[in-house]
């Protein structure tokens, strides 16, 4: 059974940092793109960052502050979030093959940035 389990969310003050982790099990995803989406209250879900073996993508709103990485040996995806802002408050989801019909989603982890 394929499973993605996110962790690392929590409450942080403006300017603080958090590191999200996504542990994948049930299959190896080394040949697939992986990414992080987020959904804030009352807003649409948006792709924050994604990574393949050859490239990374960042939404303009997080460029220079967030860093996506993956440990292929551990089948784990990370999102290092620095200089956090209240507008970064959202549920963050780990996704395999984002923006495709075959996308696999984690259950989400809540990040709250207080002002």
PDB file of N, CA and C in Angstrom:
ATOM      1  N   UNK A   1       0.841  -1.186   0.000  1.00  0.00           N
ATOM      2  CA  UNK A   1       0.000   0.000   0.000  1.00  0.00           C
ATOM      3  C   UNK A   1       0.883   1.246   0.000  1.00  0.00           C
ATOM      4  N   UNK A   2       0.626   2.132  -0.947  1.00  0.00           N
ATOM      5  CA  UNK A   2       1.402   3.359  -1.052  1.00  0.00           C
ATOM      6  C   UNK A   2       0.915   4.342   0.002  1.00  0.00           C
ATOM      7  N   UNK A   3       1.866   4.949   0.711  1.00  0.00           N
ATOM      8  CA  UNK A   3       1.495   5.878   1.757  1.00  0.00           C
ATOM      9  C   UNK A   3       2.508   7.013   1.837  1.00  0.00           C
ATOM     10  N   UNK A   4       1.987   8.230   2.002  1.00  0.00           N
ATOM     11  CA  UNK A   4       2.826   9.405   2.221  1.00  0.00           C
ATOM     12  C   UNK A   4       2.445   9.979   3.574  1.00  0.00           C
ATOM     13  N   UNK A   5       3.425  10.160   4.447  1.00  0.00           N
ATOM     14  CA  UNK A   5       3.152  10.667   5.783  1.00  0.00           C
ATOM     15  C   UNK A   5       3.978  11.918   6.022  1.00  0.00           C
ATOM     16  N   UNK A   6       3.271  13.042   6.161  1.00  0.00           N
ATOM     17  CA  UNK A   6       3.949  14.310   6.418  1.00  0.00           C
ATOM     18  C   UNK A   6       4.134  14.523   7.921  1.00  0.00           C
ATOM     19  N   UNK A   7       5.154  15.278   8.262  1.00  0.00           N
ATOM     20  CA  UNK A   7       5.402  15.670   9.655  1.00  0.00           C
ATOM     21  C   UNK A   7       6.184  16.969   9.658  1.00  0.00           C
ATOM     22  N   UNK A   8       6.246  17.602  10.826  1.00  0.00           N
ATOM     23  CA  UNK A   8       7.043  18.807  10.973  1.00  0.00           C
ATOM     24  C   UNK A   8       6.261  20.091  11.041  1.00  0.00           C
ATOM     25  N   UNK A   9       4.964  20.023  10.828  1.00  0.00           N
ATOM     26  CA  UNK A   9       4.159  21.226  10.924  1.00  0.00           C
ATOM     27  C   UNK A   9       4.028  21.681  12.371  1.00  0.00           C
ATOM     28  N   UNK A  10       3.502  22.885  12.539  1.00  0.00           N
ATOM     29  CA  UNK A  10       3.323  23.395  13.889  1.00  0.00           C
ATOM     30  C   UNK A  10       3.109  24.894  13.883  1.00  0.00           C
ATOM     31  N   UNK A  11       3.245  25.479  15.052  1.00  0.00           N
ATOM     32  CA  UNK A  11       3.058  26.915  15.241  1.00  0.00           C
ATOM     33  C   UNK A  11       4.426  27.581  15.355  1.00  0.00           C
ATOM     34  N   UNK A  12       4.610  28.638  14.594  1.00  0.00           N
ATOM     35  CA  UNK A  12       5.877  29.359  14.613  1.00  0.00           C
ATOM     36  C   UNK A  12       5.590  30.849  14.478  1.00  0.00           C
ATOM     37  N   UNK A  13       6.475  31.668  14.998  1.00  0.00           N
ATOM     38  CA  UNK A  13       6.307  33.109  14.877  1.00  0.00           C
ATOM     39  C   UNK A  13       6.809  33.609  13.534  1.00  0.00           C
ATOM     40  N   UNK A  14       6.348  34.764  13.133  1.00  0.00           N
ATOM     41  CA  UNK A  14       6.816  35.391  11.906  1.00  0.00           C
ATOM     42  C   UNK A  14       8.339  35.490  11.922  1.00  0.00           C
ATOM     43  N   UNK A  15       8.944  35.102  10.799  1.00  0.00           N
ATOM     44  CA  UNK A  15      10.397  35.100  10.700  1.00  0.00           C
ATOM     45  C   UNK A  15      11.047  33.799  11.096  1.00  0.00           C
ATOM     46  N   UNK A  16      10.267  32.893  11.650  1.00  0.00           N
ATOM     47  CA  UNK A  16      10.793  31.612  12.096  1.00  0.00           C
ATOM     48  C   UNK A  16      10.946  30.612  10.968  1.00  0.00           C
ATOM     49  N   UNK A  17      11.365  29.414  11.346  1.00  0.00           N
ATOM     50  CA  UNK A  17      11.618  28.361  10.369  1.00  0.00           C
ATOM     51  C   UNK A  17      10.957  27.059  10.794  1.00  0.00           C
ATOM     52  N   UNK A  18      10.611  26.259   9.804  1.00  0.00           N
ATOM     53  CA  UNK A  18      10.117  24.910  10.023  1.00  0.00           C
ATOM     54  C   UNK A  18      10.661  24.020   8.910  1.00  0.00           C
ATOM     55  N   UNK A  19      10.781  22.747   9.218  1.00  0.00           N
ATOM     56  CA  UNK A  19      11.184  21.777   8.209  1.00  0.00           C
ATOM     57  C   UNK A  19      10.131  20.675   8.143  1.00  0.00           C
ATOM     58  N   UNK A  20       9.497  20.581   6.986  1.00  0.00           N
ATOM     59  CA  UNK A  20       8.509  19.525   6.774  1.00  0.00           C
ATOM     60  C   UNK A  20       9.189  18.302   6.175  1.00  0.00           C
ATOM     61  N   UNK A  21       8.694  17.143   6.578  1.00  0.00           N
ATOM     62  CA  UNK A  21       9.182  15.880   6.022  1.00  0.00           C
ATOM     63  C   UNK A  21       8.012  15.087   5.471  1.00  0.00           C
ATOM     64  N   UNK A  22       8.279  14.308   4.455  1.00  0.00           N
ATOM     65  CA  UNK A  22       7.274  13.430   3.867  1.00  0.00           C
ATOM     66  C   UNK A  22       7.923  12.074   3.625  1.00  0.00           C
ATOM     67  N   UNK A  23       7.537  11.114   4.430  1.00  0.00           N
ATOM     68  CA  UNK A  23       8.081   9.765   4.302  1.00  0.00           C
ATOM     69  C   UNK A  23       7.172   8.942   3.404  1.00  0.00           C
ATOM     70  N   UNK A  24       7.737   8.411   2.343  1.00  0.00           N
ATOM     71  CA  UNK A  24       6.977   7.598   1.397  1.00  0.00           C
ATOM     72  C   UNK A  24       7.237   6.125   1.665  1.00  0.00           C
ATOM     73  N   UNK A  25       6.208   5.334   1.592  1.00  0.00           N
ATOM     74  CA  UNK A  25       6.354   3.902   1.797  1.00  0.00           C
ATOM     75  C   UNK A  25       5.461   3.147   0.831  1.00  0.00           C
ATOM     76  N   UNK A  26       5.769   1.889   0.652  1.00  0.00           N
ATOM     77  CA  UNK A  26       4.980   1.050  -0.227  1.00  0.00           C
ATOM     78  C   UNK A  26       5.495   0.994  -1.642  1.00  0.00           C
ATOM     79  N   UNK A  27       6.336   1.947  -1.989  1.00  0.00           N
ATOM     80  CA  UNK A  27       6.890   1.975  -3.340  1.00  0.00           C
ATOM     81  C   UNK A  27       8.036   2.973  -3.348  1.00  0.00           C
ATOM     82  N   UNK A  28       8.940   2.809  -4.291  1.00  0.00           N
ATOM     83  CA  UNK A  28      10.015   3.782  -4.462  1.00  0.00           C
ATOM     84  C   UNK A  28       9.598   4.788  -5.511  1.00  0.00           C
ATOM     85  N   UNK A  29       9.774   6.069  -5.185  1.00  0.00           N
ATOM     86  CA  UNK A  29       9.321   7.110  -6.097  1.00  0.00           C
ATOM     87  C   UNK A  29      10.474   7.865  -6.731  1.00  0.00           C
ATOM     88  N   UNK A  30      11.638   7.255  -6.782  1.00  0.00           N
ATOM     89  CA  UNK A  30      12.827   7.969  -7.240  1.00  0.00           C
ATOM     90  C   UNK A  30      12.700   8.467  -8.677  1.00  0.00           C
ATOM     91  N   UNK A  31      11.895   7.820  -9.484  1.00  0.00           N
ATOM     92  CA  UNK A  31      11.785   8.244 -10.876  1.00  0.00           C
ATOM     93  C   UNK A  31      10.627   9.209 -11.105  1.00  0.00           C
ATOM     94  N   UNK A  32       9.947   9.597 -10.031  1.00  0.00           N
ATOM     95  CA  UNK A  32       8.788  10.468 -10.152  1.00  0.00           C
ATOM     96  C   UNK A  32       9.065  11.847  -9.569  1.00  0.00           C
ATOM     97  N   UNK A  33       8.391  12.836 -10.132  1.00  0.00           N
ATOM     98  CA  UNK A  33       8.415  14.159  -9.519  1.00  0.00           C
ATOM     99  C   UNK A  33       7.648  14.114  -8.201  1.00  0.00           C
ATOM    100  N   UNK A  34       8.111  14.911  -7.264  1.00  0.00           N
ATOM    101  CA  UNK A  34       7.409  15.055  -5.993  1.00  0.00           C
ATOM    102  C   UNK A  34       7.313  16.535  -5.662  1.00  0.00           C
ATOM    103  N   UNK A  35       6.329  16.885  -4.861  1.00  0.00           N
ATOM    104  CA  UNK A  35       6.162  18.291  -4.555  1.00  0.00           C
ATOM    105  C   UNK A  35       5.360  18.532  -3.295  1.00  0.00           C
ATOM    106  N   UNK A  36       5.270  19.801  -2.976  1.00  0.00           N
ATOM    107  CA  UNK A  36       4.478  20.258  -1.825  1.00  0.00           C
ATOM    108  C   UNK A  36       3.418  21.234  -2.318  1.00  0.00           C
ATOM    109  N   UNK A  37       2.180  20.958  -1.961  1.00  0.00           N
ATOM    110  CA  UNK A  37       1.082  21.882  -2.167  1.00  0.00           C
ATOM    111  C   UNK A  37       0.712  22.471  -0.805  1.00  0.00           C
ATOM    112  N   UNK A  38      -0.013  23.564  -0.843  1.00  0.00           N
ATOM    113  CA  UNK A  38      -0.589  24.080   0.393  1.00  0.00           C
ATOM    114  C   UNK A  38      -1.984  24.633   0.103  1.00  0.00           C
ATOM    115  N   UNK A  39      -2.790  24.625   1.155  1.00  0.00           N
ATOM    116  CA  UNK A  39      -4.134  25.196   1.042  1.00  0.00           C
ATOM    117  C   UNK A  39      -4.429  25.980   2.306  1.00  0.00           C
ATOM    118  N   UNK A  40      -4.613  27.275   2.108  1.00  0.00           N
ATOM    119  CA  UNK A  40      -4.966  28.161   3.215  1.00  0.00           C
ATOM    120  C   UNK A  40      -6.485  28.237   3.323  1.00  0.00           C
ATOM    121  N   UNK A  41      -7.000  28.595   4.490  1.00  0.00           N
ATOM    122  CA  UNK A  41      -8.455  28.695   4.668  1.00  0.00           C
ATOM    123  C   UNK A  41      -9.078  29.637   3.641  1.00  0.00           C
ATOM    124  N   UNK A  42     -10.084  29.144   2.949  1.00  0.00           N
ATOM    125  CA  UNK A  42     -10.794  29.961   1.988  1.00  0.00           C
ATOM    126  C   UNK A  42     -10.075  30.175   0.674  1.00  0.00           C
ATOM    127  N   UNK A  43      -8.945  29.514   0.479  1.00  0.00           N
ATOM    128  CA  UNK A  43      -8.180  29.693  -0.759  1.00  0.00           C
ATOM    129  C   UNK A  43      -8.031  28.369  -1.501  1.00  0.00           C
ATOM    130  N   UNK A  44      -7.684  28.468  -2.764  1.00  0.00           N
ATOM    131  CA  UNK A  44      -7.455  27.271  -3.565  1.00  0.00           C
ATOM    132  C   UNK A  44      -6.102  26.651  -3.206  1.00  0.00           C
ATOM    133  N   UNK A  45      -6.019  25.357  -3.451  1.00  0.00           N
ATOM    134  CA  UNK A  45      -4.761  24.661  -3.238  1.00  0.00           C
ATOM    135  C   UNK A  45      -3.739  25.154  -4.275  1.00  0.00           C
ATOM    136  N   UNK A  46      -2.500  25.378  -3.854  1.00  0.00           N
ATOM    137  CA  UNK A  46      -1.469  25.855  -4.771  1.00  0.00           C
ATOM    138  C   UNK A  46      -0.196  25.020  -4.625  1.00  0.00           C
ATOM    139  N   UNK A  47       0.493  24.858  -5.741  1.00  0.00           N
ATOM    140  CA  UNK A  47       1.771  24.161  -5.740  1.00  0.00           C
ATOM    141  C   UNK A  47       2.836  25.114  -5.202  1.00  0.00           C
ATOM    142  N   UNK A  48       3.500  24.720  -4.159  1.00  0.00           N
ATOM    143  CA  UNK A  48       4.524  25.544  -3.526  1.00  0.00           C
ATOM    144  C   UNK A  48       5.895  25.256  -4.132  1.00  0.00           C
ATOM    145  N   UNK A  49       6.216  23.991  -4.265  1.00  0.00           N
ATOM    146  CA  UNK A  49       7.530  23.605  -4.788  1.00  0.00           C
ATOM    147  C   UNK A  49       7.475  22.168  -5.277  1.00  0.00           C
ATOM    148  N   UNK A  50       8.307  21.860  -6.252  1.00  0.00           N
ATOM    149  CA  UNK A  50       8.395  20.491  -6.742  1.00  0.00           C
ATOM    150  C   UNK A  50       9.828  20.197  -7.156  1.00  0.00           C
ATOM    151  N   UNK A  51      10.132  18.915  -7.237  1.00  0.00           N
ATOM    152  CA  UNK A  51      11.495  18.511  -7.574  1.00  0.00           C
ATOM    153  C   UNK A  51      11.476  17.216  -8.377  1.00  0.00           C
ATOM    154  N   UNK A  52      12.327  17.190  -9.392  1.00  0.00           N
ATOM    155  CA  UNK A  52      12.634  15.968 -10.117  1.00  0.00           C
ATOM    156  C   UNK A  52      14.131  15.767  -9.989  1.00  0.00           C
ATOM    157  N   UNK A  53      14.650  14.765 -10.652  1.00  0.00           N
ATOM    158  CA  UNK A  53      16.109  14.564 -10.559  1.00  0.00           C
ATOM    159  C   UNK A  53      16.862  15.713 -11.197  1.00  0.00           C
ATOM    160  N   UNK A  54      16.234  16.397 -12.144  1.00  0.00           N
ATOM    161  CA  UNK A  54      16.979  17.413 -12.883  1.00  0.00           C
ATOM    162  C   UNK A  54      16.641  18.855 -12.568  1.00  0.00           C
ATOM    163  N   UNK A  55      15.544  19.095 -11.844  1.00  0.00           N
ATOM    164  CA  UNK A  55      15.150  20.481 -11.666  1.00  0.00           C
ATOM    165  C   UNK A  55      14.239  20.661 -10.464  1.00  0.00           C
ATOM    166  N   UNK A  56      14.126  21.914 -10.056  1.00  0.00           N
ATOM    167  CA  UNK A  56      13.201  22.283  -8.996  1.00  0.00           C
ATOM    168  C   UNK A  56      12.321  23.435  -9.474  1.00  0.00           C
ATOM    169  N   UNK A  57      11.171  23.536  -8.851  1.00  0.00           N
ATOM    170  CA  UNK A  57      10.240  24.625  -9.134  1.00  0.00           C
ATOM    171  C   UNK A  57       9.815  25.229  -7.805  1.00  0.00           C
ATOM    172  N   UNK A  58       9.695  26.551  -7.785  1.00  0.00           N
ATOM    173  CA  UNK A  58       9.166  27.245  -6.618  1.00  0.00           C
ATOM    174  C   UNK A  58       8.126  28.268  -7.056  1.00  0.00           C
ATOM    175  N   UNK A  59       7.061  28.360  -6.297  1.00  0.00           N
ATOM    176  CA  UNK A  59       6.111  29.444  -6.514  1.00  0.00           C
ATOM    177  C   UNK A  59       6.809  30.766  -6.183  1.00  0.00           C
ATOM    178  N   UNK A  60       6.420  31.812  -6.869  1.00  0.00           N
ATOM    179  CA  UNK A  60       7.047  33.122  -6.648  1.00  0.00           C
ATOM    180  C   UNK A  60       6.938  33.563  -5.194  1.00  0.00           C
ATOM    181  N   UNK A  61       5.855  33.189  -4.553  1.00  0.00           N
ATOM    182  CA  UNK A  61       5.617  33.634  -3.185  1.00  0.00           C
ATOM    183  C   UNK A  61       6.595  33.036  -2.177  1.00  0.00           C
ATOM    184  N   UNK A  62       7.304  31.962  -2.551  1.00  0.00           N
ATOM    185  CA  UNK A  62       8.211  31.320  -1.597  1.00  0.00           C
ATOM    186  C   UNK A  62       9.661  31.299  -2.073  1.00  0.00           C
ATOM    187  N   UNK A  63       9.920  31.782  -3.262  1.00  0.00           N
ATOM    188  CA  UNK A  63      11.290  31.780  -3.778  1.00  0.00           C
ATOM    189  C   UNK A  63      12.225  32.525  -2.838  1.00  0.00           C
ATOM    190  N   UNK A  64      13.366  31.926  -2.586  1.00  0.00           N
ATOM    191  CA  UNK A  64      14.349  32.540  -1.700  1.00  0.00           C
ATOM    192  C   UNK A  64      14.121  32.257  -0.236  1.00  0.00           C
ATOM    193  N   UNK A  65      12.959  31.686   0.099  1.00  0.00           N
ATOM    194  CA  UNK A  65      12.658  31.397   1.501  1.00  0.00           C
ATOM    195  C   UNK A  65      12.490  29.898   1.762  1.00  0.00           C
ATOM    196  N   UNK A  66      11.981  29.176   0.784  1.00  0.00           N
ATOM    197  CA  UNK A  66      11.738  27.742   0.924  1.00  0.00           C
ATOM    198  C   UNK A  66      12.735  26.970   0.071  1.00  0.00           C
ATOM    199  N   UNK A  67      13.108  25.796   0.568  1.00  0.00           N
ATOM    200  CA  UNK A  67      13.997  24.917  -0.176  1.00  0.00           C
ATOM    201  C   UNK A  67      13.442  23.502  -0.141  1.00  0.00           C
ATOM    202  N   UNK A  68      13.237  22.931  -1.324  1.00  0.00           N
ATOM    203  CA  UNK A  68      12.752  21.555  -1.428  1.00  0.00           C
ATOM    204  C   UNK A  68      13.938  20.637  -1.684  1.00  0.00           C
ATOM    205  N   UNK A  69      13.904  19.480  -1.068  1.00  0.00           N
ATOM    206  CA  UNK A  69      14.962  18.501  -1.301  1.00  0.00           C
ATOM    207  C   UNK A  69      14.404  17.104  -1.065  1.00  0.00           C
ATOM    208  N   UNK A  70      15.136  16.113  -1.522  1.00  0.00           N
ATOM    209  CA  UNK A  70      14.681  14.748  -1.308  1.00  0.00           C
ATOM    210  C   UNK A  70      15.863  13.838  -1.059  1.00  0.00           C
ATOM    211  N   UNK A  71      15.638  12.872  -0.218  1.00  0.00           N
ATOM    212  CA  UNK A  71      16.624  11.845   0.080  1.00  0.00           C
ATOM    213  C   UNK A  71      16.151  10.576  -0.612  1.00  0.00           C
ATOM    214  N   UNK A  72      16.807  10.251  -1.730  1.00  0.00           N
ATOM    215  CA  UNK A  72      16.348   9.115  -2.523  1.00  0.00           C
ATOM    216  C   UNK A  72      16.554   7.796  -1.780  1.00  0.00           C
ATOM    217  N   UNK A  73      17.598   7.721  -0.999  1.00  0.00           N
ATOM    218  CA  UNK A  73      17.865   6.485  -0.257  1.00  0.00           C
ATOM    219  C   UNK A  73      16.796   6.231   0.802  1.00  0.00           C
ATOM    220  N   UNK A  74      16.318   7.311   1.426  1.00  0.00           N
ATOM    221  CA  UNK A  74      15.310   7.191   2.473  1.00  0.00           C
ATOM    222  C   UNK A  74      13.890   7.340   1.939  1.00  0.00           C
ATOM    223  N   UNK A  75      13.755   7.609   0.633  1.00  0.00           N
ATOM    224  CA  UNK A  75      12.422   7.794   0.035  1.00  0.00           C
ATOM    225  C   UNK A  75      11.644   8.882   0.765  1.00  0.00           C
ATOM    226  N   UNK A  76      12.323   9.989   1.056  1.00  0.00           N
ATOM    227  CA  UNK A  76      11.753  11.067   1.857  1.00  0.00           C
ATOM    228  C   UNK A  76      11.920  12.406   1.146  1.00  0.00           C
ATOM    229  N   UNK A  77      10.889  13.215   1.246  1.00  0.00           N
ATOM    230  CA  UNK A  77      10.875  14.550   0.675  1.00  0.00           C
ATOM    231  C   UNK A  77      10.869  15.562   1.814  1.00  0.00           C
ATOM    232  N   UNK A  78      11.569  16.676   1.616  1.00  0.00           N
ATOM    233  CA  UNK A  78      11.648  17.711   2.643  1.00  0.00           C
ATOM    234  C   UNK A  78      11.249  19.070   2.077  1.00  0.00           C
ATOM    235  N   UNK A  79      10.825  19.945   2.967  1.00  0.00           N
ATOM    236  CA  UNK A  79      10.606  21.344   2.622  1.00  0.00           C
ATOM    237  C   UNK A  79      11.115  22.184   3.782  1.00  0.00           C
ATOM    238  N   UNK A  80      12.230  22.848   3.561  1.00  0.00           N
ATOM    239  CA  UNK A  80      12.785  23.760   4.555  1.00  0.00           C
ATOM    240  C   UNK A  80      12.161  25.123   4.319  1.00  0.00           C
ATOM    241  N   UNK A  81      11.521  25.648   5.362  1.00  0.00           N
ATOM    242  CA  UNK A  81      10.805  26.918   5.227  1.00  0.00           C
ATOM    243  C   UNK A  81      11.422  27.926   6.188  1.00  0.00           C
ATOM    244  N   UNK A  82      11.993  28.975   5.634  1.00  0.00           N
ATOM    245  CA  UNK A  82      12.620  30.029   6.426  1.00  0.00           C
ATOM    246  C   UNK A  82      11.878  31.350   6.226  1.00  0.00           C
ATOM    247  N   UNK A  83      12.155  32.300   7.103  1.00  0.00           N
ATOM    248  CA  UNK A  83      11.536  33.629   7.023  1.00  0.00           C
ATOM    249  C   UNK A  83      10.029  33.517   6.834  1.00  0.00           C
ATOM    250  N   UNK A  84       9.409  32.701   7.640  1.00  0.00           N
ATOM    251  CA  UNK A  84       7.979  32.450   7.478  1.00  0.00           C
ATOM    252  C   UNK A  84       7.146  33.691   7.759  1.00  0.00           C
ATOM    253  N   UNK A  85       6.052  33.788   7.015  1.00  0.00           N
ATOM    254  CA  UNK A  85       5.135  34.915   7.100  1.00  0.00           C
ATOM    255  C   UNK A  85       3.745  34.393   7.469  1.00  0.00           C
ATOM    256  N   UNK A  86       2.897  35.248   8.027  1.00  0.00           N
ATOM    257  CA  UNK A  86       1.533  34.803   8.341  1.00  0.00           C
ATOM    258  C   UNK A  86       0.800  34.244   7.120  1.00  0.00           C
ATOM    259  N   UNK A  87       1.083  34.769   5.940  1.00  0.00           N
ATOM    260  CA  UNK A  87       0.420  34.272   4.731  1.00  0.00           C
ATOM    261  C   UNK A  87       0.891  32.886   4.314  1.00  0.00           C
ATOM    262  N   UNK A  88       1.905  32.358   4.981  1.00  0.00           N
ATOM    263  CA  UNK A  88       2.319  30.972   4.731  1.00  0.00           C
ATOM    264  C   UNK A  88       1.467  29.975   5.521  1.00  0.00           C
ATOM    265  N   UNK A  89       0.612  30.489   6.385  1.00  0.00           N
ATOM    266  CA  UNK A  89      -0.268  29.615   7.169  1.00  0.00           C
ATOM    267  C   UNK A  89      -1.175  28.813   6.246  1.00  0.00           C
ATOM    268  N   UNK A  90      -1.123  27.488   6.375  1.00  0.00           N
ATOM    269  CA  UNK A  90      -1.889  26.609   5.499  1.00  0.00           C
ATOM    270  C   UNK A  90      -1.671  25.162   5.927  1.00  0.00           C
ATOM    271  N   UNK A  91      -2.471  24.288   5.345  1.00  0.00           N
ATOM    272  CA  UNK A  91      -2.182  22.859   5.429  1.00  0.00           C
ATOM    273  C   UNK A  91      -1.276  22.518   4.250  1.00  0.00           C
ATOM    274  N   UNK A  92      -0.170  21.882   4.531  1.00  0.00           N
ATOM    275  CA  UNK A  92       0.810  21.523   3.509  1.00  0.00           C
ATOM    276  C   UNK A  92       0.700  20.034   3.197  1.00  0.00           C
ATOM    277  N   UNK A  93       0.648  19.735   1.898  1.00  0.00           N
ATOM    278  CA  UNK A  93       0.473  18.366   1.437  1.00  0.00           C
ATOM    279  C   UNK A  93       1.664  17.924   0.600  1.00  0.00           C
ATOM    280  N   UNK A  94       2.120  16.736   0.848  1.00  0.00           N
ATOM    281  CA  UNK A  94       3.146  16.103   0.025  1.00  0.00           C
ATOM    282  C   UNK A  94       2.447  15.371  -1.118  1.00  0.00           C
ATOM    283  N   UNK A  95       3.006  15.459  -2.306  1.00  0.00           N
ATOM    284  CA  UNK A  95       2.364  14.851  -3.472  1.00  0.00           C
ATOM    285  C   UNK A  95       3.410  14.178  -4.355  1.00  0.00           C
ATOM    286  N   UNK A  96       3.084  12.998  -4.811  1.00  0.00           N
ATOM    287  CA  UNK A  96       3.881  12.337  -5.842  1.00  0.00           C
ATOM    288  C   UNK A  96       3.194  12.577  -7.177  1.00  0.00           C
ATOM    289  N   UNK A  97       3.986  12.896  -8.183  1.00  0.00           N
ATOM    290  CA  UNK A  97       3.456  13.199  -9.511  1.00  0.00           C
ATOM    291  C   UNK A  97       2.413  14.317  -9.450  1.00  0.00           C
ATOM    292  N   UNK A  98       2.799  15.490  -8.938  1.00  0.00           N
ATOM    293  CA  UNK A  98       1.845  16.590  -8.843  1.00  0.00           C
ATOM    294  C   UNK A  98       1.321  17.005 -10.206  1.00  0.00           C
ATOM    295  N   UNK A  99       0.097  17.478 -10.199  1.00  0.00           N
ATOM    296  CA  UNK A  99      -0.543  17.980 -11.412  1.00  0.00           C
ATOM    297  C   UNK A  99      -0.664  16.912 -12.503  1.00  0.00           C
ATOM    298  N   UNK A 100      -0.838  15.670 -12.115  1.00  0.00           N
ATOM    299  CA  UNK A 100      -1.101  14.590 -13.064  1.00  0.00           C
ATOM    300  C   UNK A 100      -2.283  13.772 -12.557  1.00  0.00           C
ATOM    301  N   UNK A 101      -2.927  13.016 -13.436  1.00  0.00           N
ATOM    302  CA  UNK A 101      -4.050  12.164 -12.981  1.00  0.00           C
ATOM    303  C   UNK A 101      -3.618  11.066 -12.017  1.00  0.00           C
ATOM    304  N   UNK A 102      -2.313  10.783 -11.981  1.00  0.00           N
ATOM    305  CA  UNK A 102      -1.804   9.706 -11.116  1.00  0.00           C
ATOM    306  C   UNK A 102      -1.276  10.225  -9.783  1.00  0.00           C
ATOM    307  N   UNK A 103      -1.565  11.486  -9.473  1.00  0.00           N
ATOM    308  CA  UNK A 103      -1.035  12.082  -8.244  1.00  0.00           C
ATOM    309  C   UNK A 103      -1.451  11.295  -7.011  1.00  0.00           C
ATOM    310  N   UNK A 104      -0.510  11.169  -6.080  1.00  0.00           N
ATOM    311  CA  UNK A 104      -0.764  10.531  -4.786  1.00  0.00           C
ATOM    312  C   UNK A 104      -0.529  11.589  -3.720  1.00  0.00           C
ATOM    313  N   UNK A 105      -1.482  11.710  -2.784  1.00  0.00           N
ATOM    314  CA  UNK A 105      -1.456  12.781  -1.790  1.00  0.00           C
ATOM    315  C   UNK A 105      -1.247  12.221  -0.389  1.00  0.00           C
ATOM    316  N   UNK A 106      -0.527  12.999   0.431  1.00  0.00           N
ATOM    317  CA  UNK A 106      -0.463  12.708   1.850  1.00  0.00           C
ATOM    318  C   UNK A 106      -1.667  13.309   2.547  1.00  0.00           C
ATOM    319  N   UNK A 107      -1.699  13.141   3.869  1.00  0.00           N
ATOM    320  CA  UNK A 107      -2.866  13.600   4.621  1.00  0.00           C
ATOM    321  C   UNK A 107      -2.765  15.064   5.014  1.00  0.00           C
ATOM    322  N   UNK A 108      -1.598  15.648   4.892  1.00  0.00           N
ATOM    323  CA  UNK A 108      -1.407  17.062   5.192  1.00  0.00           C
ATOM    324  C   UNK A 108      -0.884  17.314   6.586  1.00  0.00           C
ATOM    325  N   UNK A 109      -0.175  18.431   6.726  1.00  0.00           N
ATOM    326  CA  UNK A 109       0.311  18.865   8.037  1.00  0.00           C
ATOM    327  C   UNK A 109       0.100  20.368   8.136  1.00  0.00           C
ATOM    328  N   UNK A 110      -0.388  20.830   9.270  1.00  0.00           N
ATOM    329  CA  UNK A 110      -0.770  22.224   9.437  1.00  0.00           C
ATOM    330  C   UNK A 110       0.428  23.067   9.867  1.00  0.00           C
ATOM    331  N   UNK A 111       0.606  24.154   9.155  1.00  0.00           N
ATOM    332  CA  UNK A 111       1.619  25.152   9.506  1.00  0.00           C
ATOM    333  C   UNK A 111       0.889  26.444   9.854  1.00  0.00           C
ATOM    334  N   UNK A 112       1.148  26.967  11.030  1.00  0.00           N
ATOM    335  CA  UNK A 112       0.532  28.218  11.464  1.00  0.00           C
ATOM    336  C   UNK A 112       1.633  29.191  11.828  1.00  0.00           C
ATOM    337  N   UNK A 113       1.599  30.354  11.177  1.00  0.00           N
ATOM    338  CA  UNK A 113       2.597  31.394  11.427  1.00  0.00           C
ATOM    339  C   UNK A 113       1.892  32.555  12.118  1.00  0.00           C
ATOM    340  N   UNK A 114       2.293  32.843  13.328  1.00  0.00           N
ATOM    341  CA  UNK A 114       1.660  33.913  14.084  1.00  0.00           C
ATOM    342  C   UNK A 114       2.371  35.236  13.832  1.00  0.00           C
ATOM    343  N   UNK A 115       1.584  36.304  13.872  1.00  0.00           N
ATOM    344  CA  UNK A 115       2.154  37.630  13.596  1.00  0.00           C
ATOM    345  C   UNK A 115       2.611  38.299  14.876  1.00  0.00           C
TER     346      UNK A 115
END
